[in-house]
Amino acid sequence: MNTPDSLASKWLDRASSDHTIVFLLDALKQDNCPTGPLSSLVKNTTCGPDRAGGFAMNVTSIESATLDKSSQNYGGKKTSSAPKPTIVICQNNIYDYPDYLRTLSHELIHSIDQCRAKADWSNLKHHACSEIRASNLSGECGYGVELLRGNMKHRGGHIDCVMRRANLSLKANPNENGEGEEVIKEVFPQCYADLYPFMRHPGSN
């Protein structure tokens, strides 16, 4: 019988050869983030409800990454060494391999933003921008995924999904005092158009 941890372990092994994941790992290296094998960056673990994953920078070990109250990010004891992302996947809240890939892509994009732009997660504009990019580029707002959520809008549905999911994440930031939607609207045009490290949107044909 497949358990959540055994499935997640299989999915992690499989993801290490996925072309999008390999591409995002290469982008991390280009942004001077030490990476190593995917298995050294990712920890599959059990989380509370409504959490899919998160990441931290410079934790002493992958086991020390623990859930932070700020959005889906993880915190741990930080070191002064070169920045290295630690990604946590909530194996009990992942439904299948495509969902695993979307969650992993989402967190890798956050990691890229941390390395490339030195994102300050206490700054709502920084946080909102990275959430917009991660929701836009990870595939989590694809039409088929939205249909499974019961959202059947076609025209403009992708933008609505990105804004909705970014807002949900921003609400968990302790510095969000009801202004999250306005912050998202303010930064949305620039951040939605930022496809880095892709040359074109990964969902385009």
C-alpha atoms as a PDB file:
ATOM      1  CA  MET A   1       0.000   0.000   0.000  1.00  0.00           C
ATOM      2  CA  ASN A   2       1.315   3.412  -0.963  1.00  0.00           C
ATOM      3  CA  THR A   3       1.518   5.821   1.970  1.00  0.00           C
ATOM      4  CA  PRO A   4       1.919   9.611   1.619  1.00  0.00           C
ATOM      5  CA  ASP A   5       5.612   9.406   2.489  1.00  0.00           C
ATOM      6  CA  SER A   6       6.344   6.555   0.078  1.00  0.00           C
ATOM      7  CA  LEU A   7       4.471   8.282  -2.730  1.00  0.00           C
ATOM      8  CA  ALA A   8       6.233  11.584  -2.067  1.00  0.00           C
ATOM      9  CA  SER A   9       9.597   9.817  -2.104  1.00  0.00           C
ATOM     10  CA  LYS A  10       8.790   8.294  -5.491  1.00  0.00           C
ATOM     11  CA  TRP A  11       7.589  11.644  -6.807  1.00  0.00           C
ATOM     12  CA  LEU A  12      10.756  13.386  -5.629  1.00  0.00           C
ATOM     13  CA  ASP A  13      12.908  10.838  -7.449  1.00  0.00           C
ATOM     14  CA  ARG A  14      10.810  11.246 -10.566  1.00  0.00           C
ATOM     15  CA  ALA A  15      10.878  15.052 -10.357  1.00  0.00           C
ATOM     16  CA  SER A  16      14.678  15.083 -10.445  1.00  0.00           C
ATOM     17  CA  SER A  17      14.524  14.362 -14.179  1.00  0.00           C
ATOM     18  CA  ASP A  18      11.534  16.571 -15.018  1.00  0.00           C
ATOM     19  CA  HIS A  19      12.662  19.138 -17.585  1.00  0.00           C
ATOM     20  CA  THR A  20      10.984  22.103 -15.856  1.00  0.00           C
ATOM     21  CA  ILE A  21      12.434  21.220 -12.451  1.00  0.00           C
ATOM     22  CA  VAL A  22      15.900  20.717 -13.956  1.00  0.00           C
ATOM     23  CA  PHE A  23      15.560  24.086 -15.704  1.00  0.00           C
ATOM     24  CA  LEU A  24      14.611  25.854 -12.453  1.00  0.00           C
ATOM     25  CA  LEU A  25      17.514  24.221 -10.608  1.00  0.00           C
ATOM     26  CA  ASP A  26      19.878  25.439 -13.328  1.00  0.00           C
ATOM     27  CA  ALA A  27      18.447  28.945 -12.899  1.00  0.00           C
ATOM     28  CA  LEU A  28      19.194  28.771  -9.173  1.00  0.00           C
ATOM     29  CA  LYS A  29      22.807  27.915  -9.957  1.00  0.00           C
ATOM     30  CA  GLN A  30      23.038  30.828 -12.387  1.00  0.00           C
ATOM     31  CA  ASP A  31      21.771  33.108  -9.624  1.00  0.00           C
ATOM     32  CA  ASN A  32      24.649  31.925  -7.402  1.00  0.00           C
ATOM     33  CA  CYS A  33      22.531  29.737  -5.148  1.00  0.00           C
ATOM     34  CA  PRO A  34      24.325  26.500  -4.268  1.00  0.00           C
ATOM     35  CA  THR A  35      21.958  23.665  -5.018  1.00  0.00           C
ATOM     36  CA  GLY A  36      23.265  20.121  -5.349  1.00  0.00           C
ATOM     37  CA  PRO A  37      20.982  17.163  -6.084  1.00  0.00           C
ATOM     38  CA  LEU A  38      17.270  17.852  -5.761  1.00  0.00           C
ATOM     39  CA  SER A  39      17.057  15.330  -2.918  1.00  0.00           C
ATOM     40  CA  SER A  40      19.475  17.476  -0.882  1.00  0.00           C
ATOM     41  CA  LEU A  41      17.188  20.519  -1.172  1.00  0.00           C
ATOM     42  CA  VAL A  42      13.768  18.970  -0.643  1.00  0.00           C
ATOM     43  CA  LYS A  43      12.208  17.471   2.479  1.00  0.00           C
ATOM     44  CA  ASN A  44       8.887  15.665   2.239  1.00  0.00           C
ATOM     45  CA  THR A  45       7.095  16.029   5.541  1.00  0.00           C
ATOM     46  CA  THR A  46       3.685  16.093   7.205  1.00  0.00           C
ATOM     47  CA  CYS A  47       2.068  19.496   7.728  1.00  0.00           C
ATOM     48  CA  GLY A  48      -1.137  20.932   9.069  1.00  0.00           C
ATOM     49  CA  PRO A  49      -4.125  21.500   6.787  1.00  0.00           C
ATOM     50  CA  ASP A  50      -4.090  24.084   3.980  1.00  0.00           C
ATOM     51  CA  ARG A  51      -0.319  23.924   3.518  1.00  0.00           C
ATOM     52  CA  ALA A  52       1.267  22.576   0.368  1.00  0.00           C
ATOM     53  CA  GLY A  53       4.898  23.521   0.894  1.00  0.00           C
ATOM     54  CA  GLY A  54       7.419  26.202   1.677  1.00  0.00           C
ATOM     55  CA  PHE A  55      11.059  27.120   1.700  1.00  0.00           C
ATOM     56  CA  ALA A  56      13.791  28.709   3.791  1.00  0.00           C
ATOM     57  CA  MET A  57      17.274  29.983   3.085  1.00  0.00           C
ATOM     58  CA  ASN A  58      20.401  29.013   5.011  1.00  0.00           C
ATOM     59  CA  VAL A  59      19.003  26.517   7.490  1.00  0.00           C
ATOM     60  CA  THR A  60      21.594  24.426   9.293  1.00  0.00           C
ATOM     61  CA  SER A  61      20.052  21.198   8.009  1.00  0.00           C
ATOM     62  CA  ILE A  62      17.045  20.184   6.009  1.00  0.00           C
ATOM     63  CA  GLU A  63      15.535  18.626   9.131  1.00  0.00           C
ATOM     64  CA  SER A  64      15.531  22.011  10.907  1.00  0.00           C
ATOM     65  CA  ALA A  65      13.109  23.628   8.478  1.00  0.00           C
ATOM     66  CA  THR A  66       9.842  24.290  10.277  1.00  0.00           C
ATOM     67  CA  LEU A  67       6.647  25.981   9.230  1.00  0.00           C
ATOM     68  CA  ASP A  68       6.690  29.750   9.522  1.00  0.00           C
ATOM     69  CA  LYS A  69       3.504  31.749  10.055  1.00  0.00           C
ATOM     70  CA  SER A  70       4.354  33.971   7.083  1.00  0.00           C
ATOM     71  CA  SER A  71       2.555  32.593   4.035  1.00  0.00           C
ATOM     72  CA  GLN A  72       3.916  29.255   2.845  1.00  0.00           C
ATOM     73  CA  ASN A  73       7.502  30.066   3.715  1.00  0.00           C
ATOM     74  CA  TYR A  74       9.491  28.013   6.147  1.00  0.00           C
ATOM     75  CA  GLY A  75      11.915  29.212   8.745  1.00  0.00           C
ATOM     76  CA  GLY A  76      14.808  27.524  10.449  1.00  0.00           C
ATOM     77  CA  LYS A  77      18.045  28.336  12.207  1.00  0.00           C
ATOM     78  CA  LYS A  78      19.982  30.415   9.707  1.00  0.00           C
ATOM     79  CA  THR A  79      23.670  30.305   8.990  1.00  0.00           C
ATOM     80  CA  SER A  80      26.077  32.847   7.543  1.00  0.00           C
ATOM     81  CA  SER A  81      27.116  30.606   4.650  1.00  0.00           C
ATOM     82  CA  ALA A  82      26.221  31.151   1.011  1.00  0.00           C
ATOM     83  CA  PRO A  83      22.442  31.086   0.572  1.00  0.00           C
ATOM     84  CA  LYS A  84      21.003  27.653  -0.083  1.00  0.00           C
ATOM     85  CA  PRO A  85      17.290  26.977  -0.395  1.00  0.00           C
ATOM     86  CA  THR A  86      15.558  24.316   1.657  1.00  0.00           C
ATOM     87  CA  ILE A  87      12.215  23.303   0.186  1.00  0.00           C
ATOM     88  CA  VAL A  88       9.560  21.486   2.190  1.00  0.00           C
ATOM     89  CA  ILE A  89       6.731  19.591   0.510  1.00  0.00           C
ATOM     90  CA  CYS A  90       3.675  18.764   2.631  1.00  0.00           C
ATOM     91  CA  GLN A  91       3.261  15.164   1.514  1.00  0.00           C
ATOM     92  CA  ASN A  92      -0.074  14.678   3.277  1.00  0.00           C
ATOM     93  CA  ASN A  93      -1.635  17.553   1.307  1.00  0.00           C
ATOM     94  CA  ILE A  94      -0.342  16.582  -2.150  1.00  0.00           C
ATOM     95  CA  TYR A  95      -2.833  14.680  -4.279  1.00  0.00           C
ATOM     96  CA  ASP A  96      -0.807  13.307  -7.176  1.00  0.00           C
ATOM     97  CA  TYR A  97       2.442  13.670  -9.096  1.00  0.00           C
ATOM     98  CA  PRO A  98       1.330  16.718 -11.156  1.00  0.00           C
ATOM     99  CA  ASP A  99       0.320  18.434  -7.908  1.00  0.00           C
ATOM    100  CA  TYR A 100       3.752  17.580  -6.478  1.00  0.00           C
ATOM    101  CA  LEU A 101       5.448  19.132  -9.521  1.00  0.00           C
ATOM    102  CA  ARG A 102       3.354  22.295  -9.299  1.00  0.00           C
ATOM    103  CA  THR A 103       4.132  22.710  -5.607  1.00  0.00           C
ATOM    104  CA  LEU A 104       7.830  22.068  -6.147  1.00  0.00           C
ATOM    105  CA  SER A 105       7.913  24.544  -9.047  1.00  0.00           C
ATOM    106  CA  HIS A 106       6.118  27.139  -6.897  1.00  0.00           C
ATOM    107  CA  GLU A 107       8.711  26.862  -4.136  1.00  0.00           C
ATOM    108  CA  LEU A 108      11.641  26.838  -6.572  1.00  0.00           C
ATOM    109  CA  ILE A 109      10.391  30.122  -8.038  1.00  0.00           C
ATOM    110  CA  HIS A 110      10.281  31.591  -4.522  1.00  0.00           C
ATOM    111  CA  SER A 111      13.847  30.362  -4.038  1.00  0.00           C
ATOM    112  CA  ILE A 112      14.925  31.986  -7.296  1.00  0.00           C
ATOM    113  CA  ASP A 113      13.347  35.268  -6.211  1.00  0.00           C
ATOM    114  CA  GLN A 114      15.208  35.072  -2.912  1.00  0.00           C
ATOM    115  CA  CYS A 115      18.554  34.473  -4.639  1.00  0.00           C
ATOM    116  CA  ARG A 116      18.023  36.848  -7.547  1.00  0.00           C
ATOM    117  CA  ALA A 117      16.205  39.741  -5.898  1.00  0.00           C
ATOM    118  CA  LYS A 118      16.983  39.182  -2.185  1.00  0.00           C
ATOM    119  CA  ALA A 119      13.254  39.256  -1.457  1.00  0.00           C
ATOM    120  CA  ASP A 120      12.307  40.624   1.965  1.00  0.00           C
ATOM    121  CA  TRP A 121       9.325  38.534   3.056  1.00  0.00           C
ATOM    122  CA  SER A 122       8.284  41.107   5.657  1.00  0.00           C
ATOM    123  CA  ASN A 123       7.809  43.583   2.784  1.00  0.00           C
ATOM    124  CA  LEU A 124       4.321  43.008   1.402  1.00  0.00           C
ATOM    125  CA  LYS A 125       5.281  44.204  -2.082  1.00  0.00           C
ATOM    126  CA  HIS A 126       8.172  41.737  -2.249  1.00  0.00           C
ATOM    127  CA  HIS A 127       6.013  38.937  -0.891  1.00  0.00           C
ATOM    128  CA  ALA A 128       3.107  39.729  -3.209  1.00  0.00           C
ATOM    129  CA  CYS A 129       5.354  39.867  -6.255  1.00  0.00           C
ATOM    130  CA  SER A 130       6.904  36.485  -5.569  1.00  0.00           C
ATOM    131  CA  GLU A 131       3.495  34.912  -4.904  1.00  0.00           C
ATOM    132  CA  ILE A 132       2.193  36.333  -8.186  1.00  0.00           C
ATOM    133  CA  ARG A 133       5.180  34.945 -10.065  1.00  0.00           C
ATOM    134  CA  ALA A 134       4.996  31.548  -8.366  1.00  0.00           C
ATOM    135  CA  SER A 135       1.264  31.145  -8.990  1.00  0.00           C
ATOM    136  CA  ASN A 136       1.630  32.366 -12.567  1.00  0.00           C
ATOM    137  CA  LEU A 137       4.582  30.186 -13.576  1.00  0.00           C
ATOM    138  CA  SER A 138       4.119  26.959 -11.594  1.00  0.00           C
ATOM    139  CA  GLY A 139       1.058  25.687 -13.461  1.00  0.00           C
ATOM    140  CA  GLU A 140      -1.198  25.880 -10.411  1.00  0.00           C
ATOM    141  CA  CYS A 141      -3.548  28.248 -12.243  1.00  0.00           C
ATOM    142  CA  GLY A 142      -3.854  26.168 -15.398  1.00  0.00           C
ATOM    143  CA  TYR A 143      -7.365  25.813 -16.778  1.00  0.00           C
ATOM    144  CA  GLY A 144      -7.614  22.103 -15.953  1.00  0.00           C
ATOM    145  CA  VAL A 145      -6.443  22.671 -12.378  1.00  0.00           C
ATOM    146  CA  GLU A 146      -8.974  25.465 -11.923  1.00  0.00           C
ATOM    147  CA  LEU A 147     -11.754  23.238 -13.273  1.00  0.00           C
ATOM    148  CA  LEU A 148     -10.957  20.700 -10.560  1.00  0.00           C
ATOM    149  CA  ARG A 149     -11.369  23.517  -8.017  1.00  0.00           C
ATOM    150  CA  GLY A 150     -14.793  24.295  -9.469  1.00  0.00           C
ATOM    151  CA  ASN A 151     -13.700  27.508 -11.173  1.00  0.00           C
ATOM    152  CA  MET A 152     -15.022  27.324 -14.731  1.00  0.00           C
ATOM    153  CA  LYS A 153     -14.239  30.834 -15.962  1.00  0.00           C
ATOM    154  CA  HIS A 154     -12.192  30.687 -19.161  1.00  0.00           C
ATOM    155  CA  ARG A 155     -11.528  34.260 -20.292  1.00  0.00           C
ATOM    156  CA  GLY A 156      -9.479  36.014 -17.630  1.00  0.00           C
ATOM    157  CA  GLY A 157      -9.607  32.985 -15.377  1.00  0.00           C
ATOM    158  CA  HIS A 158      -5.833  32.592 -15.156  1.00  0.00           C
ATOM    159  CA  ILE A 159      -5.343  36.168 -13.958  1.00  0.00           C
ATOM    160  CA  ASP A 160      -8.177  35.797 -11.449  1.00  0.00           C
ATOM    161  CA  CYS A 161      -6.586  32.606 -10.112  1.00  0.00           C
ATOM    162  CA  VAL A 162      -3.147  34.174  -9.740  1.00  0.00           C
ATOM    163  CA  MET A 163      -4.578  37.171  -7.882  1.00  0.00           C
ATOM    164  CA  ARG A 164      -6.759  34.979  -5.659  1.00  0.00           C
ATOM    165  CA  ARG A 165      -3.971  32.611  -4.684  1.00  0.00           C
ATOM    166  CA  ALA A 166      -1.486  35.418  -4.126  1.00  0.00           C
ATOM    167  CA  ASN A 167      -4.002  37.120  -1.859  1.00  0.00           C
ATOM    168  CA  LEU A 168      -4.570  33.935   0.150  1.00  0.00           C
ATOM    169  CA  SER A 169      -0.838  33.591   0.738  1.00  0.00           C
ATOM    170  CA  LEU A 170      -0.404  37.254   1.583  1.00  0.00           C
ATOM    171  CA  LYS A 171      -3.133  37.097   4.235  1.00  0.00           C
ATOM    172  CA  ALA A 172      -0.923  34.729   6.229  1.00  0.00           C
ATOM    173  CA  ASN A 173       1.853  37.324   6.401  1.00  0.00           C
ATOM    174  CA  PRO A 174       1.834  38.841   9.915  1.00  0.00           C
ATOM    175  CA  ASN A 175       2.522  42.266   8.377  1.00  0.00           C
ATOM    176  CA  GLU A 176      -0.674  42.125   6.313  1.00  0.00           C
ATOM    177  CA  ASN A 177      -3.244  44.399   7.932  1.00  0.00           C
ATOM    178  CA  GLY A 178      -6.022  44.278   5.380  1.00  0.00           C
ATOM    179  CA  GLU A 179      -4.115  45.976   2.572  1.00  0.00           C
ATOM    180  CA  GLY A 180      -3.069  42.797   0.766  1.00  0.00           C
ATOM    181  CA  GLU A 181      -5.485  43.147  -2.151  1.00  0.00           C
ATOM    182  CA  GLU A 182      -4.365  46.711  -2.844  1.00  0.00           C
ATOM    183  CA  VAL A 183      -0.699  45.713  -2.706  1.00  0.00           C
ATOM    184  CA  ILE A 184      -1.347  42.874  -5.146  1.00  0.00           C
ATOM    185  CA  LYS A 185      -3.149  45.214  -7.551  1.00  0.00           C
ATOM    186  CA  GLU A 186      -0.282  47.690  -7.340  1.00  0.00           C
ATOM    187  CA  VAL A 187       2.498  45.250  -8.192  1.00  0.00           C
ATOM    188  CA  PHE A 188       0.505  42.862 -10.376  1.00  0.00           C
ATOM    189  CA  PRO A 189       1.229  44.242 -13.878  1.00  0.00           C
ATOM    190  CA  GLN A 190       4.997  44.212 -13.426  1.00  0.00           C
ATOM    191  CA  CYS A 191       5.203  40.931 -11.511  1.00  0.00           C
ATOM    192  CA  TYR A 192       2.755  39.032 -13.723  1.00  0.00           C
ATOM    193  CA  ALA A 193       4.803  40.064 -16.766  1.00  0.00           C
ATOM    194  CA  ASP A 194       8.067  38.907 -15.144  1.00  0.00           C
ATOM    195  CA  LEU A 195       8.562  35.399 -16.524  1.00  0.00           C
ATOM    196  CA  TYR A 196      12.142  34.908 -15.322  1.00  0.00           C
ATOM    197  CA  PRO A 197      13.825  32.476 -15.727  1.00  0.00           C
ATOM    198  CA  PHE A 198      11.572  31.427 -18.618  1.00  0.00           C
ATOM    199  CA  MET A 199      11.817  33.094 -22.016  1.00  0.00           C
ATOM    200  CA  ARG A 200       8.066  32.666 -22.479  1.00  0.00           C
ATOM    201  CA  HIS A 201       5.244  31.506 -20.255  1.00  0.00           C
ATOM    202  CA  PRO A 202       5.729  27.775 -19.528  1.00  0.00           C
ATOM    203  CA  GLY A 203       2.032  27.152 -20.136  1.00  0.00           C
ATOM    204  CA  SER A 204       2.076  28.569 -23.659  1.00  0.00           C
ATOM    205  CA  ASN A 205       2.103  26.312 -26.681  1.00  0.00           C
END
